[in-house]
Protein backbone atom coordinates (compact mmCIF):
# COMPACT_ATOMS: atom_id res chain seq x y z
CA UNK A 1 -13.20 11.81 28.71
CA UNK A 2 -10.08 9.81 29.82
CA UNK A 3 -8.09 8.96 26.36
CA UNK A 4 -7.76 5.47 25.65
CA UNK A 5 -3.96 4.98 23.60
CA UNK A 6 -2.70 1.36 23.40
CA UNK A 7 1.08 1.29 24.15
CA UNK A 8 3.01 -1.34 22.08
CA UNK A 9 0.10 -1.94 19.68
CA UNK A 10 3.05 -1.50 16.72
CA UNK A 11 4.78 -3.89 18.35
CA UNK A 12 2.45 -6.54 18.96
CA UNK A 13 2.10 -6.36 14.94
CA UNK A 14 5.84 -5.79 14.46
CA UNK A 15 5.56 -9.39 16.61
CA UNK A 16 2.93 -11.05 14.17
CA UNK A 17 4.19 -9.94 11.04
CA UNK A 18 8.05 -11.32 12.07
CA UNK A 19 6.34 -14.21 13.28
CA UNK A 20 5.02 -14.83 9.54
CA UNK A 21 7.67 -13.47 7.77
CA UNK A 22 9.43 -16.35 9.49
CA UNK A 23 7.36 -18.81 8.42
CA UNK A 24 7.27 -17.63 4.74
CA UNK A 25 11.45 -17.82 5.00
CA UNK A 26 11.03 -13.42 4.13
CA UNK A 27 13.83 -11.92 4.41
CA UNK A 28 12.13 -8.48 4.71
CA UNK A 29 9.77 -6.96 6.22
CA UNK A 30 8.13 -3.89 5.62
CA UNK A 31 6.00 -1.19 7.58
CA UNK A 32 4.33 2.10 7.76
CA UNK A 33 3.68 4.72 10.80
CA UNK A 34 2.20 7.49 10.65
CA UNK A 35 4.11 10.58 10.70
CA UNK A 36 1.61 12.89 11.92
CA UNK A 37 -0.03 10.97 14.88
CA UNK A 38 3.25 9.29 16.12
CA UNK A 39 4.17 11.53 18.84
CA UNK A 40 1.77 9.27 21.62
CA UNK A 41 3.14 6.24 19.99
CA UNK A 42 6.66 5.08 21.65
CA UNK A 43 6.93 2.15 19.10
CA UNK A 44 6.27 4.38 16.03
CA UNK A 45 9.25 6.48 16.79
CA UNK A 46 12.31 5.88 15.32
CA UNK A 47 14.43 5.01 17.80
CA UNK A 48 11.49 1.62 18.60
CA UNK A 49 11.71 0.79 15.50
CA UNK A 50 15.94 1.09 14.85
CA UNK A 51 16.28 -1.07 17.93
CA UNK A 52 13.30 -3.81 16.31
CA UNK A 53 15.64 -4.19 13.73
CA UNK A 54 18.24 -4.54 15.12
CA UNK A 55 16.48 -7.10 17.49
CA UNK A 56 14.90 -8.93 14.59
CA UNK A 57 18.55 -9.46 12.91
CA UNK A 58 19.16 -11.05 16.21
CA UNK A 59 16.16 -13.10 16.65
CA UNK A 60 15.64 -14.89 13.35
CA UNK A 61 16.54 -17.30 11.24
CA UNK A 62 17.38 -14.71 8.05
CA UNK A 63 19.04 -12.16 10.58
CA UNK A 64 21.38 -14.72 11.14
CA UNK A 65 21.44 -16.04 7.72
CA UNK A 66 19.53 -18.99 7.95
CA UNK A 67 22.60 -20.87 9.93
CA UNK A 68 22.28 -21.73 13.75
CA UNK A 69 25.23 -21.47 15.25
CA UNK A 70 24.93 -25.67 15.81
CA UNK A 71 26.72 -25.10 18.89
CA UNK A 72 24.65 -23.30 21.75
CA UNK A 73 22.54 -25.27 23.89
CA UNK A 74 19.07 -23.61 22.12
CA UNK A 75 20.81 -24.87 18.68
CA UNK A 76 21.85 -28.21 20.18
CA UNK A 77 18.08 -28.85 22.00
CA UNK A 78 16.41 -27.65 18.37
CA UNK A 79 18.46 -30.58 16.73
CA UNK A 80 18.07 -32.84 18.97
CA UNK A 81 14.01 -32.00 18.66
CA UNK A 82 13.91 -32.52 15.45
CA UNK A 83 16.02 -35.97 14.79
CA UNK A 84 13.30 -36.75 17.47
CA UNK A 85 10.74 -35.84 15.13
CA UNK A 86 12.17 -37.39 12.40
CA UNK A 87 11.40 -34.25 10.77
CA UNK A 88 14.33 -32.41 8.30
CA UNK A 89 15.42 -28.91 9.90
CA UNK A 90 15.39 -26.37 7.16
């Protein structure tokens, strides 16, 4: 019988949780991984989780302290989109 491992399933879960935390304006996301069953799941390794944390701190509003730089193309497009939609950017 072939072994089936769903690689990156934790990464998918982390991404979903991170997106939801962003909606809730949460500054913290907690996870739990199984230290006894992580050998075949690289997305449960300490190195992966630390790298994901670094990415989250660069890619989320909470990670950049809620202040868009207002200078890069992404921020300028964001501001324009909110202005055109008549919605306040919080």
